[in-house]
């Protein structure tokens, strides 16, 4: 028999809880910029020409942009100079702009277009063909 499990009533259990968030503050823009710069530095060292991070935890970690992944591509292209280009469906541009942690240009695609063609187009515009 396990002792102490299930012996508290709801009020007693709630009374024993403490605030685990005391003293915490949101991550500041400077932290996201530092993360982005570190990624850019590693990209330069490894001779990577671009890094595509998709919506979810990776995009949030590097850009501070909170966006849940879905069937539509929302992403950030990160370059070795620490610049970012966001990729979004056209109908989401104004919304993603509101959610951006690090403000950067947004390139959009229409529902009838392939978002990966847009990624390829952006890379071509930057003369990126490898790496």
Protein backbone atom coordinates (compact mmCIF):
# COMPACT_ATOMS: atom_id res chain seq x y z
CA UNK A 1 0.00 0.00 0.00
CA UNK A 2 1.32 3.45 -0.91
CA UNK A 3 1.23 5.93 1.94
CA UNK A 4 0.05 9.48 1.38
CA UNK A 5 -1.34 9.01 -2.11
CA UNK A 6 -4.93 10.08 -2.47
CA UNK A 7 -5.31 11.16 1.14
CA UNK A 8 -5.64 14.91 0.50
CA UNK A 9 -8.92 16.55 -0.27
CA UNK A 10 -9.03 19.11 -3.06
CA UNK A 11 -8.77 22.14 -0.79
CA UNK A 12 -5.73 20.79 1.07
CA UNK A 13 -3.97 19.82 -2.16
CA UNK A 14 -4.57 23.27 -3.67
CA UNK A 15 -3.39 24.99 -0.48
CA UNK A 16 -0.03 23.19 -0.75
CA UNK A 17 0.65 24.51 -4.24
CA UNK A 18 3.10 27.36 -4.62
CA UNK A 19 3.62 29.87 -7.43
CA UNK A 20 6.39 28.39 -9.59
CA UNK A 21 6.46 31.42 -11.90
CA UNK A 22 7.40 34.02 -9.30
CA UNK A 23 10.28 36.17 -10.49
CA UNK A 24 10.11 34.95 -14.08
CA UNK A 25 9.94 37.41 -16.96
CA UNK A 26 9.20 36.90 -20.66
CA UNK A 27 12.19 36.33 -22.92
CA UNK A 28 13.33 39.70 -24.20
CA UNK A 29 14.05 40.66 -27.80
CA UNK A 30 17.77 40.84 -26.99
CA UNK A 31 17.78 37.11 -26.16
CA UNK A 32 16.13 36.22 -29.48
CA UNK A 33 18.66 38.45 -31.29
CA UNK A 34 21.51 36.69 -29.46
CA UNK A 35 20.12 33.28 -30.48
CA UNK A 36 19.78 34.44 -34.07
CA UNK A 37 23.32 35.81 -34.13
CA UNK A 38 24.71 32.58 -32.68
CA UNK A 39 22.89 30.58 -35.36
CA UNK A 40 24.24 32.93 -38.03
CA UNK A 41 27.77 32.57 -36.68
CA UNK A 42 27.49 28.77 -36.79
CA UNK A 43 26.10 28.99 -40.32
CA UNK A 44 29.12 31.03 -41.39
CA UNK A 45 31.49 28.55 -39.75
CA UNK A 46 29.80 25.58 -41.45
CA UNK A 47 29.33 27.43 -44.76
CA UNK A 48 25.54 27.07 -44.64
CA UNK A 49 23.81 29.55 -46.90
CA UNK A 50 20.35 29.41 -45.32
CA UNK A 51 18.38 27.75 -42.56
CA UNK A 52 14.63 27.15 -42.86
CA UNK A 53 12.81 26.93 -39.53
CA UNK A 54 9.14 26.12 -39.64
CA UNK A 55 6.30 27.25 -37.41
CA UNK A 56 6.41 25.83 -33.92
CA UNK A 57 9.18 25.57 -31.37
CA UNK A 58 12.10 26.18 -33.76
CA UNK A 59 10.71 29.39 -35.20
CA UNK A 60 9.75 30.57 -31.72
CA UNK A 61 13.24 29.79 -30.36
CA UNK A 62 15.14 31.71 -33.03
CA UNK A 63 12.75 34.55 -33.85
CA UNK A 64 10.34 34.92 -30.95
CA UNK A 65 7.49 34.43 -33.42
CA UNK A 66 4.80 32.25 -31.91
CA UNK A 67 2.90 30.35 -34.58
CA UNK A 68 1.45 26.86 -34.50
CA UNK A 69 2.24 24.60 -37.41
CA UNK A 70 -0.53 23.55 -39.75
CA UNK A 71 -0.93 22.13 -43.24
CA UNK A 72 0.15 25.51 -44.68
CA UNK A 73 3.80 26.47 -44.66
CA UNK A 74 4.70 29.27 -42.28
CA UNK A 75 8.44 29.54 -41.79
CA UNK A 76 11.45 31.77 -41.37
CA UNK A 77 14.46 31.66 -43.66
CA UNK A 78 17.55 32.62 -41.67
CA UNK A 79 20.72 33.75 -43.43
CA UNK A 80 24.38 33.93 -42.31
CA UNK A 81 24.14 37.71 -41.91
CA UNK A 82 21.41 37.10 -39.26
CA UNK A 83 18.69 38.45 -41.55
CA UNK A 84 15.30 36.77 -41.67
CA UNK A 85 12.62 36.44 -44.33
CA UNK A 86 9.30 35.06 -43.14
CA UNK A 87 7.18 32.91 -45.44
CA UNK A 88 3.43 32.90 -44.99
CA UNK A 89 0.18 32.30 -46.83
CA UNK A 90 -1.06 35.63 -48.19
CA UNK A 91 -4.19 35.61 -46.05
CA UNK A 92 -2.06 35.28 -42.87
CA UNK A 93 0.42 38.11 -43.54
CA UNK A 94 -1.23 40.72 -41.32
CA UNK A 95 -1.70 38.19 -38.53
CA UNK A 96 1.85 36.86 -38.57
CA UNK A 97 3.11 40.44 -38.59
CA UNK A 98 1.25 40.96 -35.31
CA UNK A 99 2.84 37.83 -33.80
CA UNK A 100 6.43 38.49 -34.90
CA UNK A 101 9.05 38.59 -32.20
CA UNK A 102 11.80 39.87 -34.47
CA UNK A 103 10.33 42.08 -37.17
CA UNK A 104 11.43 41.19 -40.70
CA UNK A 105 9.98 41.13 -44.21
CA UNK A 106 7.26 38.62 -45.03
CA UNK A 107 6.99 36.96 -48.42
CA UNK A 108 3.68 35.33 -49.16
CA UNK A 109 2.18 32.70 -51.37
CA UNK A 110 -1.38 32.28 -52.61
CA UNK A 111 -3.45 29.17 -52.05
CA UNK A 112 -2.96 27.97 -55.64
CA UNK A 113 0.83 28.39 -55.43
CA UNK A 114 3.50 26.07 -54.07
CA UNK A 115 5.13 27.63 -50.98
CA UNK A 116 8.34 25.70 -51.62
CA UNK A 117 8.65 27.41 -54.99
CA UNK A 118 8.64 30.68 -53.06
CA UNK A 119 11.45 29.38 -50.83
CA UNK A 120 13.40 28.46 -53.95
CA UNK A 121 12.72 31.88 -55.45
CA UNK A 122 14.01 33.68 -52.34
CA UNK A 123 17.15 31.55 -52.33
CA UNK A 124 17.70 32.26 -56.03
CA UNK A 125 17.31 35.99 -55.44
CA UNK A 126 20.15 35.74 -52.93
CA UNK A 127 22.24 33.70 -55.40
CA UNK A 128 22.12 30.66 -53.15
CA UNK A 129 22.47 27.46 -55.12
CA UNK A 130 24.22 25.22 -52.59
CA UNK A 131 25.27 24.96 -48.97
